[in-house]
Amino acid sequence: MHYVMFDIDGTLVESYELDSECFINAVKDVTGIGIDSNWSKYQHVTDSGILSEIIGLNNISNAQEVHDEVKKVFIKQLEQSIKENAFNQVQGASSFLSLLNSMSNVMVSFATGGWYESAVLKLKSAGIDFSQMPFASSNDHISRIEIMKIAAARANAGKSSSCTYFGDGSWDKEACQQLGFNFVLVGNKLEHKPSFRDFKSTNEILACIGL
């Protein structure tokens, strides 16, 4: 069995820039704090992890209340943005996912550092069907590594099973190195091989998975 896991923002959906903008604005609106958008500086590059670190660094006492309010404002801003302009999927994403799901020897799951509610909004906006796939998000844990472990467990991937992860960030690559996952880069934010701009080079991408 081949286990294949996907990030969402910048990997399946062209949502990275707007997602970051909405997150920064939501934190500012709720707390009055302007935050550093160099996400690699944070210990856990997930919505919950970044927000928890900001709350801790600024000694905010009502942490859970602030966390819930930032999430609420963030999702509201995202919904409004989607009403104005729907997200595009990375070219070939739906077709590639459908192909993988048609294979009896492949199990697909999603592991995103975003909150589940916002991930669903983005996937639906981009026209990506996720209804049959195991899913783990920032709702489950603040750590990307733990989110990926949860996604693997929900896909019934055993500890000795190999897994290929498609992502776009340095934090994705680092998590894969720690977990022993095969990392395939989508986009050009990093220097890494193998890498693909999109999912149109089907045969080449399948070869990276071992198919």
N, C-alpha and C. Protein backbone atom coordinates (compact mmCIF):
# COMPACT_ATOMS: atom_id res chain seq x y z
N MET A 1 0.84 -1.21 0.00
CA MET A 1 0.00 0.00 0.00
C MET A 1 0.87 1.26 0.00
N HIS A 2 0.50 2.21 -0.83
CA HIS A 2 1.21 3.49 -0.88
C HIS A 2 0.36 4.55 -0.16
N TYR A 3 0.96 5.19 0.83
CA TYR A 3 0.26 6.24 1.57
C TYR A 3 0.73 7.61 1.06
N VAL A 4 -0.23 8.41 0.63
CA VAL A 4 0.08 9.70 0.05
C VAL A 4 -0.68 10.79 0.80
N MET A 5 0.05 11.79 1.25
CA MET A 5 -0.51 12.83 2.11
C MET A 5 -0.29 14.19 1.46
N PHE A 6 -1.28 15.08 1.60
CA PHE A 6 -1.21 16.39 0.96
C PHE A 6 -1.40 17.53 1.96
N ASP A 7 -0.56 18.54 1.84
CA ASP A 7 -0.81 19.84 2.42
C ASP A 7 -1.90 20.50 1.55
N ILE A 8 -2.43 21.63 1.98
CA ILE A 8 -3.50 22.28 1.20
C ILE A 8 -3.05 23.62 0.63
N ASP A 9 -2.76 24.60 1.50
CA ASP A 9 -2.40 25.94 1.05
C ASP A 9 -1.12 25.93 0.23
N GLY A 10 -1.21 26.39 -1.01
CA GLY A 10 -0.04 26.44 -1.86
C GLY A 10 0.32 25.11 -2.49
N THR A 11 -0.34 24.05 -2.06
CA THR A 11 -0.07 22.71 -2.59
C THR A 11 -1.21 22.23 -3.48
N LEU A 12 -2.42 22.24 -2.92
CA LEU A 12 -3.60 21.88 -3.70
C LEU A 12 -4.41 23.10 -4.12
N VAL A 13 -4.38 24.13 -3.28
CA VAL A 13 -5.17 25.34 -3.51
C VAL A 13 -4.25 26.55 -3.54
N GLU A 14 -4.49 27.44 -4.49
CA GLU A 14 -3.70 28.67 -4.60
C GLU A 14 -4.24 29.69 -3.59
N SER A 15 -3.97 29.42 -2.32
CA SER A 15 -4.56 30.21 -1.24
C SER A 15 -3.54 30.77 -0.27
N TYR A 16 -2.26 30.50 -0.49
CA TYR A 16 -1.23 30.82 0.50
C TYR A 16 -1.20 32.30 0.86
N GLU A 17 -1.16 33.17 -0.15
CA GLU A 17 -1.01 34.61 0.11
C GLU A 17 -2.23 35.18 0.83
N LEU A 18 -3.42 34.85 0.34
CA LEU A 18 -4.64 35.38 0.95
C LEU A 18 -4.85 34.81 2.35
N ASP A 19 -4.53 33.55 2.52
CA ASP A 19 -4.65 32.92 3.83
C ASP A 19 -3.77 33.64 4.84
N SER A 20 -2.53 33.93 4.44
CA SER A 20 -1.61 34.64 5.33
C SER A 20 -2.13 36.04 5.67
N GLU A 21 -2.65 36.73 4.65
CA GLU A 21 -3.17 38.08 4.85
C GLU A 21 -4.34 38.09 5.82
N CYS A 22 -5.27 37.15 5.65
CA CYS A 22 -6.43 37.07 6.54
C CYS A 22 -6.02 36.74 7.97
N PHE A 23 -5.02 35.87 8.11
CA PHE A 23 -4.56 35.49 9.45
C PHE A 23 -3.93 36.68 10.16
N ILE A 24 -3.06 37.40 9.46
CA ILE A 24 -2.41 38.58 10.05
C ILE A 24 -3.45 39.62 10.44
N ASN A 25 -4.42 39.85 9.58
CA ASN A 25 -5.47 40.84 9.86
C ASN A 25 -6.34 40.43 11.03
N ALA A 26 -6.64 39.15 11.13
CA ALA A 26 -7.49 38.66 12.23
C ALA A 26 -6.79 38.84 13.58
N VAL A 27 -5.50 38.52 13.62
CA VAL A 27 -4.74 38.70 14.87
C VAL A 27 -4.70 40.18 15.24
N LYS A 28 -4.48 41.03 14.27
CA LYS A 28 -4.42 42.47 14.51
C LYS A 28 -5.77 43.00 14.99
N ASP A 29 -6.85 42.56 14.35
CA ASP A 29 -8.19 43.03 14.70
C ASP A 29 -8.56 42.66 16.14
N VAL A 30 -8.19 41.46 16.55
CA VAL A 30 -8.60 40.95 17.87
C VAL A 30 -7.66 41.41 18.98
N THR A 31 -6.35 41.41 18.71
CA THR A 31 -5.38 41.68 19.78
C THR A 31 -4.70 43.04 19.66
N GLY A 32 -4.74 43.64 18.49
CA GLY A 32 -4.01 44.89 18.26
C GLY A 32 -2.54 44.66 17.99
N ILE A 33 -2.14 43.39 17.85
CA ILE A 33 -0.73 43.05 17.68
C ILE A 33 -0.43 42.80 16.20
N GLY A 34 0.61 43.48 15.71
CA GLY A 34 1.09 43.20 14.36
C GLY A 34 2.11 42.08 14.43
N ILE A 35 1.95 41.06 13.60
CA ILE A 35 2.82 39.89 13.73
C ILE A 35 3.76 39.74 12.55
N ASP A 36 4.85 39.03 12.78
CA ASP A 36 5.86 38.74 11.76
C ASP A 36 5.31 37.66 10.83
N SER A 37 5.29 37.94 9.53
CA SER A 37 4.74 36.98 8.58
C SER A 37 5.80 36.02 8.02
N ASN A 38 7.00 36.06 8.59
CA ASN A 38 8.01 35.06 8.24
C ASN A 38 7.71 33.82 9.08
N TRP A 39 6.85 32.96 8.55
CA TRP A 39 6.32 31.84 9.35
C TRP A 39 7.39 30.89 9.82
N SER A 40 8.50 30.81 9.11
CA SER A 40 9.56 29.87 9.49
C SER A 40 10.20 30.22 10.83
N LYS A 41 9.94 31.44 11.33
CA LYS A 41 10.49 31.84 12.63
C LYS A 41 9.72 31.23 13.80
N TYR A 42 8.54 30.71 13.53
CA TYR A 42 7.70 30.18 14.62
C TYR A 42 8.03 28.71 14.87
N GLN A 43 7.86 28.31 16.10
CA GLN A 43 8.19 26.93 16.48
C GLN A 43 7.29 25.93 15.74
N HIS A 44 5.99 26.22 15.72
CA HIS A 44 5.03 25.36 15.05
C HIS A 44 4.33 26.17 13.96
N VAL A 45 4.59 25.85 12.70
CA VAL A 45 4.01 26.62 11.60
C VAL A 45 2.64 26.04 11.27
N THR A 46 1.71 26.30 12.17
CA THR A 46 0.31 25.93 12.01
C THR A 46 -0.51 27.09 12.56
N ASP A 47 -1.78 27.17 12.18
CA ASP A 47 -2.60 28.27 12.68
C ASP A 47 -2.64 28.29 14.21
N SER A 48 -2.90 27.14 14.80
CA SER A 48 -2.97 27.06 16.26
C SER A 48 -1.61 27.30 16.90
N GLY A 49 -0.56 26.77 16.28
CA GLY A 49 0.78 26.91 16.84
C GLY A 49 1.27 28.34 16.82
N ILE A 50 1.10 29.02 15.68
CA ILE A 50 1.53 30.42 15.57
C ILE A 50 0.75 31.29 16.54
N LEU A 51 -0.56 31.09 16.57
CA LEU A 51 -1.39 31.91 17.45
C LEU A 51 -1.07 31.66 18.92
N SER A 52 -0.83 30.43 19.29
CA SER A 52 -0.47 30.11 20.68
C SER A 52 0.84 30.78 21.07
N GLU A 53 1.79 30.80 20.14
CA GLU A 53 3.09 31.43 20.41
C GLU A 53 2.93 32.93 20.57
N ILE A 54 2.12 33.54 19.74
CA ILE A 54 1.87 34.99 19.83
C ILE A 54 1.21 35.33 21.15
N ILE A 55 0.22 34.53 21.53
CA ILE A 55 -0.49 34.75 22.79
C ILE A 55 0.48 34.62 23.97
N GLY A 56 1.35 33.61 23.91
CA GLY A 56 2.30 33.40 25.00
C GLY A 56 3.35 34.50 25.09
N LEU A 57 3.88 34.91 23.95
CA LEU A 57 4.91 35.95 23.93
C LEU A 57 4.40 37.29 24.43
N ASN A 58 3.11 37.53 24.24
CA ASN A 58 2.52 38.81 24.65
C ASN A 58 1.76 38.72 25.97
N ASN A 59 1.95 37.60 26.67
CA ASN A 59 1.38 37.42 28.02
C ASN A 59 -0.12 37.73 28.05
N ILE A 60 -0.83 37.25 27.06
CA ILE A 60 -2.29 37.44 27.01
C ILE A 60 -2.93 36.42 27.94
N SER A 61 -3.71 36.90 28.90
CA SER A 61 -4.22 36.03 29.95
C SER A 61 -5.40 35.16 29.50
N ASN A 62 -6.34 35.74 28.79
CA ASN A 62 -7.53 35.00 28.35
C ASN A 62 -7.25 34.29 27.03
N ALA A 63 -6.30 33.35 27.10
CA ALA A 63 -5.74 32.75 25.90
C ALA A 63 -6.79 32.04 25.04
N GLN A 64 -7.61 31.21 25.65
CA GLN A 64 -8.58 30.44 24.87
C GLN A 64 -9.63 31.34 24.23
N GLU A 65 -10.04 32.36 24.96
CA GLU A 65 -11.02 33.30 24.42
C GLU A 65 -10.45 34.05 23.21
N VAL A 66 -9.21 34.48 23.33
CA VAL A 66 -8.56 35.18 22.22
C VAL A 66 -8.37 34.24 21.04
N HIS A 67 -7.94 33.02 21.33
CA HIS A 67 -7.74 32.02 20.28
C HIS A 67 -9.04 31.81 19.49
N ASP A 68 -10.13 31.63 20.22
CA ASP A 68 -11.43 31.38 19.58
C ASP A 68 -11.89 32.58 18.75
N GLU A 69 -11.64 33.78 19.27
CA GLU A 69 -12.08 34.99 18.57
C GLU A 69 -11.26 35.23 17.31
N VAL A 70 -9.95 35.01 17.38
CA VAL A 70 -9.11 35.17 16.20
C VAL A 70 -9.54 34.18 15.11
N LYS A 71 -9.78 32.96 15.51
CA LYS A 71 -10.23 31.94 14.56
C LYS A 71 -11.55 32.35 13.91
N LYS A 72 -12.48 32.85 14.71
CA LYS A 72 -13.79 33.28 14.21
C LYS A 72 -13.64 34.42 13.20
N VAL A 73 -12.83 35.42 13.53
CA VAL A 73 -12.62 36.57 12.65
C VAL A 73 -11.91 36.14 11.38
N PHE A 74 -10.92 35.28 11.53
CA PHE A 74 -10.16 34.78 10.39
C PHE A 74 -11.07 34.07 9.38
N ILE A 75 -11.91 33.19 9.88
CA ILE A 75 -12.80 32.43 9.00
C ILE A 75 -13.82 33.36 8.34
N LYS A 76 -14.30 34.34 9.08
CA LYS A 76 -15.24 35.31 8.51
C LYS A 76 -14.59 36.09 7.36
N GLN A 77 -13.34 36.52 7.57
CA GLN A 77 -12.62 37.25 6.52
C GLN A 77 -12.39 36.35 5.30
N LEU A 78 -12.09 35.11 5.55
CA LEU A 78 -11.85 34.16 4.47
C LEU A 78 -13.14 33.93 3.67
N GLU A 79 -14.23 33.79 4.38
CA GLU A 79 -15.52 33.60 3.70
C GLU A 79 -15.85 34.79 2.81
N GLN A 80 -15.61 35.99 3.32
CA GLN A 80 -15.89 37.19 2.54
C GLN A 80 -15.00 37.25 1.30
N SER A 81 -13.75 36.91 1.46
CA SER A 81 -12.82 36.92 0.33
C SER A 81 -13.24 35.91 -0.74
N ILE A 82 -13.69 34.75 -0.31
CA ILE A 82 -14.12 33.72 -1.25
C ILE A 82 -15.37 34.14 -2.01
N LYS A 83 -16.26 34.88 -1.34
CA LYS A 83 -17.46 35.38 -2.03
C LYS A 83 -17.08 36.32 -3.16
N GLU A 84 -16.02 37.07 -2.95
CA GLU A 84 -15.57 38.04 -3.96
C GLU A 84 -14.76 37.36 -5.06
N ASN A 85 -13.90 36.42 -4.67
CA ASN A 85 -13.06 35.70 -5.64
C ASN A 85 -12.81 34.29 -5.14
N ALA A 86 -13.35 33.31 -5.85
CA ALA A 86 -13.14 31.92 -5.45
C ALA A 86 -11.67 31.54 -5.63
N PHE A 87 -11.21 30.59 -4.83
CA PHE A 87 -9.85 30.11 -4.96
C PHE A 87 -9.72 29.21 -6.18
N ASN A 88 -8.55 29.23 -6.78
CA ASN A 88 -8.23 28.28 -7.83
C ASN A 88 -7.47 27.11 -7.23
N GLN A 89 -7.68 25.96 -7.80
CA GLN A 89 -6.86 24.81 -7.40
C GLN A 89 -5.56 24.85 -8.19
N VAL A 90 -4.53 24.31 -7.63
CA VAL A 90 -3.29 24.13 -8.37
C VAL A 90 -3.61 23.23 -9.55
N GLN A 91 -3.14 23.60 -10.71
CA GLN A 91 -3.54 22.90 -11.94
C GLN A 91 -3.33 21.38 -11.85
N GLY A 92 -4.41 20.68 -12.18
CA GLY A 92 -4.36 19.22 -12.18
C GLY A 92 -4.62 18.56 -10.85
N ALA A 93 -4.86 19.35 -9.79
CA ALA A 93 -5.00 18.77 -8.45
C ALA A 93 -6.16 17.79 -8.35
N SER A 94 -7.35 18.19 -8.79
CA SER A 94 -8.52 17.32 -8.69
C SER A 94 -8.35 16.04 -9.48
N SER A 95 -7.85 16.17 -10.69
CA SER A 95 -7.65 15.00 -11.54
C SER A 95 -6.65 14.03 -10.93
N PHE A 96 -5.58 14.59 -10.35
CA PHE A 96 -4.55 13.74 -9.74
C PHE A 96 -5.10 13.02 -8.51
N LEU A 97 -5.87 13.74 -7.68
CA LEU A 97 -6.47 13.12 -6.51
C LEU A 97 -7.45 12.02 -6.92
N SER A 98 -8.23 12.28 -7.94
CA SER A 98 -9.18 11.27 -8.43
C SER A 98 -8.45 10.02 -8.92
N LEU A 99 -7.33 10.24 -9.61
CA LEU A 99 -6.54 9.12 -10.09
C LEU A 99 -6.02 8.28 -8.93
N LEU A 100 -5.46 8.94 -7.92
CA LEU A 100 -4.94 8.21 -6.76
C LEU A 100 -6.06 7.45 -6.05
N ASN A 101 -7.21 8.09 -5.92
CA ASN A 101 -8.33 7.45 -5.22
C ASN A 101 -8.90 6.27 -5.98
N SER A 102 -8.62 6.21 -7.28
CA SER A 102 -9.11 5.08 -8.08
C SER A 102 -8.20 3.86 -7.96
N MET A 103 -7.04 4.04 -7.36
CA MET A 103 -6.07 2.95 -7.25
C MET A 103 -6.28 2.18 -5.95
N SER A 104 -6.36 0.88 -6.08
CA SER A 104 -6.64 0.03 -4.90
C SER A 104 -5.46 -0.06 -3.96
N ASN A 105 -4.26 0.28 -4.44
CA ASN A 105 -3.05 0.17 -3.62
C ASN A 105 -2.57 1.52 -3.10
N VAL A 106 -3.46 2.53 -3.10
CA VAL A 106 -3.10 3.87 -2.64
C VAL A 106 -4.13 4.36 -1.62
N MET A 107 -3.65 4.96 -0.54
CA MET A 107 -4.51 5.62 0.44
C MET A 107 -4.10 7.08 0.51
N VAL A 108 -5.06 7.98 0.32
CA VAL A 108 -4.80 9.42 0.30
C VAL A 108 -5.34 10.06 1.57
N SER A 109 -4.59 11.01 2.13
CA SER A 109 -5.08 11.78 3.27
C SER A 109 -4.59 13.22 3.16
N PHE A 110 -5.21 14.10 3.94
CA PHE A 110 -4.82 15.50 3.99
C PHE A 110 -4.25 15.80 5.38
N ALA A 111 -3.16 16.55 5.42
CA ALA A 111 -2.58 17.01 6.68
C ALA A 111 -2.22 18.48 6.50
N THR A 112 -3.01 19.35 7.10
CA THR A 112 -2.81 20.78 6.91
C THR A 112 -2.53 21.48 8.23
N GLY A 113 -1.70 22.51 8.15
CA GLY A 113 -1.44 23.33 9.33
C GLY A 113 -2.54 24.35 9.57
N GLY A 114 -3.49 24.43 8.66
CA GLY A 114 -4.63 25.34 8.84
C GLY A 114 -5.71 24.72 9.70
N TRP A 115 -6.63 25.54 10.15
CA TRP A 115 -7.78 25.01 10.87
C TRP A 115 -8.69 24.25 9.93
N TYR A 116 -9.40 23.27 10.45
CA TYR A 116 -10.25 22.42 9.63
C TYR A 116 -11.31 23.24 8.90
N GLU A 117 -11.95 24.16 9.62
CA GLU A 117 -13.04 24.94 9.03
C GLU A 117 -12.57 25.76 7.84
N SER A 118 -11.40 26.37 7.96
CA SER A 118 -10.88 27.18 6.85
C SER A 118 -10.40 26.28 5.71
N ALA A 119 -9.83 25.13 6.04
CA ALA A 119 -9.40 24.19 5.00
C ALA A 119 -10.57 23.73 4.15
N VAL A 120 -11.69 23.43 4.81
CA VAL A 120 -12.89 23.01 4.09
C VAL A 120 -13.38 24.11 3.16
N LEU A 121 -13.38 25.35 3.64
CA LEU A 121 -13.80 26.48 2.81
C LEU A 121 -12.95 26.57 1.55
N LYS A 122 -11.66 26.43 1.71
CA LYS A 122 -10.74 26.57 0.58
C LYS A 122 -10.88 25.42 -0.41
N LEU A 123 -10.99 24.22 0.09
CA LEU A 123 -11.14 23.06 -0.79
C LEU A 123 -12.44 23.14 -1.58
N LYS A 124 -13.52 23.49 -0.90
CA LYS A 124 -14.81 23.62 -1.59
C LYS A 124 -14.76 24.72 -2.63
N SER A 125 -14.16 25.85 -2.27
CA SER A 125 -14.06 26.97 -3.20
C SER A 125 -13.28 26.59 -4.46
N ALA A 126 -12.25 25.77 -4.29
CA ALA A 126 -11.41 25.36 -5.41
C ALA A 126 -11.97 24.15 -6.16
N GLY A 127 -13.08 23.62 -5.68
CA GLY A 127 -13.70 22.49 -6.36
C GLY A 127 -12.99 21.17 -6.16
N ILE A 128 -12.38 20.98 -5.00
CA ILE A 128 -11.66 19.74 -4.70
C ILE A 128 -12.49 18.88 -3.75
N ASP A 129 -12.80 17.68 -4.16
CA ASP A 129 -13.60 16.75 -3.36
C ASP A 129 -12.70 16.07 -2.33
N PHE A 130 -13.05 16.21 -1.08
CA PHE A 130 -12.26 15.61 0.00
C PHE A 130 -13.11 14.69 0.86
N SER A 131 -14.33 14.40 0.41
CA SER A 131 -15.31 13.71 1.25
C SER A 131 -14.89 12.30 1.66
N GLN A 132 -14.08 11.65 0.85
CA GLN A 132 -13.70 10.26 1.15
C GLN A 132 -12.31 10.13 1.74
N MET A 133 -11.70 11.25 2.11
CA MET A 133 -10.29 11.19 2.52
C MET A 133 -10.10 11.51 4.01
N PRO A 134 -9.27 10.73 4.70
CA PRO A 134 -8.91 11.07 6.07
C PRO A 134 -8.27 12.45 6.12
N PHE A 135 -8.49 13.16 7.23
CA PHE A 135 -8.14 14.57 7.29
C PHE A 135 -7.64 14.90 8.69
N ALA A 136 -6.50 15.59 8.78
CA ALA A 136 -6.02 16.10 10.06
C ALA A 136 -5.63 17.56 9.87
N SER A 137 -5.83 18.35 10.91
CA SER A 137 -5.64 19.80 10.78
C SER A 137 -5.14 20.40 12.08
N SER A 138 -5.05 21.72 12.07
CA SER A 138 -4.63 22.46 13.25
C SER A 138 -5.65 22.36 14.38
N ASN A 139 -6.84 21.88 14.09
CA ASN A 139 -7.82 21.60 15.15
C ASN A 139 -7.35 20.44 16.01
N ASP A 140 -6.56 19.55 15.43
CA ASP A 140 -6.14 18.33 16.12
C ASP A 140 -4.89 18.52 16.97
N HIS A 141 -3.99 19.43 16.56
CA HIS A 141 -2.73 19.61 17.29
C HIS A 141 -2.05 20.89 16.81
N ILE A 142 -1.18 21.47 17.63
CA ILE A 142 -0.45 22.66 17.21
C ILE A 142 0.79 22.31 16.40
N SER A 143 1.25 21.07 16.50
CA SER A 143 2.48 20.63 15.83
C SER A 143 2.18 20.02 14.47
N ARG A 144 2.89 20.47 13.44
CA ARG A 144 2.70 19.91 12.10
C ARG A 144 3.06 18.43 12.08
N ILE A 145 4.12 18.07 12.77
CA ILE A 145 4.52 16.66 12.81
C ILE A 145 3.41 15.80 13.40
N GLU A 146 2.82 16.27 14.49
CA GLU A 146 1.74 15.50 15.13
C GLU A 146 0.51 15.45 14.23
N ILE A 147 0.23 16.55 13.52
CA ILE A 147 -0.90 16.56 12.57
C ILE A 147 -0.67 15.49 11.50
N MET A 148 0.54 15.41 11.00
CA MET A 148 0.86 14.42 9.98
C MET A 148 0.75 12.99 10.53
N LYS A 149 1.15 12.81 11.77
CA LYS A 149 1.01 11.49 12.41
C LYS A 149 -0.46 11.10 12.54
N ILE A 150 -1.29 12.08 12.91
CA ILE A 150 -2.72 11.84 13.07
C ILE A 150 -3.35 11.47 11.72
N ALA A 151 -2.96 12.21 10.67
CA ALA A 151 -3.47 11.91 9.33
C ALA A 151 -3.07 10.50 8.91
N ALA A 152 -1.83 10.11 9.20
CA ALA A 152 -1.36 8.76 8.86
C ALA A 152 -2.15 7.70 9.61
N ALA A 153 -2.40 7.97 10.90
CA ALA A 153 -3.17 7.02 11.70
C ALA A 153 -4.59 6.87 11.18
N ARG A 154 -5.20 7.98 10.78
CA ARG A 154 -6.56 7.95 10.26
C ARG A 154 -6.63 7.24 8.90
N ALA A 155 -5.49 7.21 8.21
CA ALA A 155 -5.41 6.48 6.94
C ALA A 155 -4.97 5.03 7.16
N ASN A 156 -4.80 4.66 8.43
CA ASN A 156 -4.37 3.31 8.81
C ASN A 156 -2.98 2.98 8.29
N ALA A 157 -2.14 3.98 8.21
CA ALA A 157 -0.74 3.74 7.82
C ALA A 157 0.03 3.26 9.04
N GLY A 158 0.60 2.09 8.96
CA GLY A 158 1.36 1.54 10.07
C GLY A 158 2.68 2.26 10.23
N LYS A 159 3.33 2.06 11.36
CA LYS A 159 4.60 2.74 11.64
C LYS A 159 5.68 2.38 10.64
N SER A 160 5.61 1.19 10.08
CA SER A 160 6.63 0.75 9.14
C SER A 160 6.28 1.11 7.69
N SER A 161 5.10 1.73 7.50
CA SER A 161 4.66 2.05 6.15
C SER A 161 5.38 3.28 5.62
N SER A 162 5.64 3.27 4.32
CA SER A 162 6.23 4.45 3.69
C SER A 162 5.14 5.43 3.32
N CYS A 163 5.46 6.71 3.35
CA CYS A 163 4.48 7.74 3.05
C CYS A 163 5.13 8.84 2.22
N THR A 164 4.42 9.31 1.22
CA THR A 164 4.87 10.44 0.42
C THR A 164 4.00 11.64 0.74
N TYR A 165 4.64 12.76 1.03
CA TYR A 165 3.93 13.98 1.40
C TYR A 165 4.19 15.06 0.36
N PHE A 166 3.11 15.67 -0.14
CA PHE A 166 3.21 16.79 -1.06
C PHE A 166 2.99 18.10 -0.30
N GLY A 167 3.98 18.98 -0.34
CA GLY A 167 3.88 20.25 0.37
C GLY A 167 4.64 21.33 -0.36
N ASP A 168 4.56 22.55 0.18
CA ASP A 168 5.19 23.69 -0.50
C ASP A 168 6.13 24.48 0.38
N GLY A 169 6.22 24.16 1.67
CA GLY A 169 6.99 24.98 2.60
C GLY A 169 8.18 24.26 3.21
N SER A 170 9.12 25.05 3.72
CA SER A 170 10.29 24.48 4.38
C SER A 170 9.89 23.66 5.59
N TRP A 171 8.83 24.08 6.27
CA TRP A 171 8.32 23.36 7.45
C TRP A 171 7.76 21.99 7.05
N ASP A 172 7.22 21.89 5.84
CA ASP A 172 6.76 20.59 5.35
C ASP A 172 7.95 19.66 5.15
N LYS A 173 8.98 20.18 4.53
CA LYS A 173 10.18 19.38 4.27
C LYS A 173 10.83 18.93 5.57
N GLU A 174 10.93 19.84 6.55
CA GLU A 174 11.56 19.51 7.83
C GLU A 174 10.76 18.44 8.57
N ALA A 175 9.44 18.56 8.53
CA ALA A 175 8.59 17.56 9.19
C ALA A 175 8.77 16.20 8.54
N CYS A 176 8.85 16.18 7.21
CA CYS A 176 9.05 14.92 6.49
C CYS A 176 10.39 14.29 6.85
N GLN A 177 11.42 15.11 6.99
CA GLN A 177 12.73 14.60 7.36
C GLN A 177 12.69 13.94 8.73
N GLN A 178 11.96 14.55 9.66
CA GLN A 178 11.87 13.99 11.01
C GLN A 178 11.03 12.72 11.05
N LEU A 179 10.03 12.65 10.19
CA LEU A 179 9.14 11.49 10.19
C LEU A 179 9.60 10.39 9.25
N GLY A 180 10.58 10.69 8.40
CA GLY A 180 11.03 9.71 7.43
C GLY A 180 10.09 9.57 6.25
N PHE A 181 9.33 10.62 5.96
CA PHE A 181 8.42 10.62 4.82
C PHE A 181 9.16 11.08 3.57
N ASN A 182 8.75 10.58 2.44
CA ASN A 182 9.24 11.05 1.15
C ASN A 182 8.57 12.39 0.87
N PHE A 183 9.36 13.43 0.63
CA PHE A 183 8.80 14.77 0.41
C PHE A 183 8.88 15.15 -1.06
N VAL A 184 7.73 15.57 -1.61
CA VAL A 184 7.67 16.08 -2.98
C VAL A 184 7.22 17.53 -2.91
N LEU A 185 8.04 18.41 -3.46
CA LEU A 185 7.75 19.85 -3.42
C LEU A 185 6.79 20.24 -4.54
N VAL A 186 5.78 21.04 -4.17
CA VAL A 186 4.89 21.64 -5.17
C VAL A 186 5.16 23.14 -5.15
N GLY A 187 5.51 23.71 -6.31
CA GLY A 187 5.85 25.12 -6.36
C GLY A 187 7.35 25.34 -6.35
N ASN A 188 7.75 26.59 -6.07
CA ASN A 188 9.17 26.94 -6.18
C ASN A 188 9.68 27.75 -4.99
N LYS A 189 9.08 27.54 -3.82
CA LYS A 189 9.53 28.29 -2.64
C LYS A 189 10.86 27.78 -2.10
N LEU A 190 11.21 26.55 -2.46
CA LEU A 190 12.42 25.93 -1.92
C LEU A 190 13.29 25.41 -3.05
N GLU A 191 14.53 25.08 -2.69
CA GLU A 191 15.40 24.30 -3.56
C GLU A 191 15.27 22.86 -3.11
N HIS A 192 14.61 22.07 -3.92
CA HIS A 192 14.39 20.67 -3.55
C HIS A 192 14.06 19.87 -4.80
N LYS A 193 14.50 18.63 -4.78
CA LYS A 193 14.12 17.67 -5.81
C LYS A 193 13.61 16.42 -5.12
N PRO A 194 12.52 15.85 -5.60
CA PRO A 194 11.72 16.24 -6.76
C PRO A 194 10.81 17.43 -6.47
N SER A 195 10.53 18.21 -7.50
CA SER A 195 9.60 19.33 -7.38
C SER A 195 8.80 19.46 -8.66
N PHE A 196 7.57 19.93 -8.50
CA PHE A 196 6.67 20.12 -9.64
C PHE A 196 5.91 21.42 -9.46
N ARG A 197 5.66 22.11 -10.55
CA ARG A 197 4.90 23.35 -10.50
C ARG A 197 3.43 23.06 -10.21
N ASP A 198 2.93 21.94 -10.73
CA ASP A 198 1.53 21.56 -10.58
C ASP A 198 1.43 20.04 -10.70
N PHE A 199 0.21 19.54 -10.94
CA PHE A 199 0.01 18.10 -10.96
C PHE A 199 -0.25 17.56 -12.36
N LYS A 200 0.18 18.30 -13.38
CA LYS A 200 -0.10 17.88 -14.75
C LYS A 200 0.86 16.81 -15.26
N SER A 201 2.04 16.75 -14.69
CA SER A 201 3.03 15.74 -15.13
C SER A 201 2.77 14.43 -14.39
N THR A 202 1.64 13.81 -14.74
CA THR A 202 1.13 12.69 -13.96
C THR A 202 2.12 11.54 -13.81
N ASN A 203 2.68 11.07 -14.89
CA ASN A 203 3.56 9.91 -14.84
C ASN A 203 4.81 10.17 -14.01
N GLU A 204 5.38 11.36 -14.17
CA GLU A 204 6.56 11.71 -13.40
C GLU A 204 6.27 11.79 -11.91
N ILE A 205 5.10 12.33 -11.58
CA ILE A 205 4.74 12.45 -10.16
C ILE A 205 4.45 11.08 -9.57
N LEU A 206 3.75 10.23 -10.31
CA LEU A 206 3.48 8.87 -9.84
C LEU A 206 4.77 8.12 -9.57
N ALA A 207 5.78 8.35 -10.40
CA ALA A 207 7.07 7.69 -10.22
C ALA A 207 7.72 8.07 -8.89
N CYS A 208 7.49 9.32 -8.46
CA CYS A 208 8.04 9.80 -7.18
C CYS A 208 7.38 9.10 -5.99
N ILE A 209 6.16 8.61 -6.21
CA ILE A 209 5.44 7.90 -5.16
C ILE A 209 5.83 6.42 -5.17
N GLY A 210 6.38 5.98 -6.31
CA GLY A 210 6.72 4.57 -6.46
C GLY A 210 5.66 3.81 -7.20
N LEU A 211 4.85 4.55 -7.99
CA LEU A 211 3.76 3.92 -8.74
C LEU A 211 4.07 3.93 -10.24
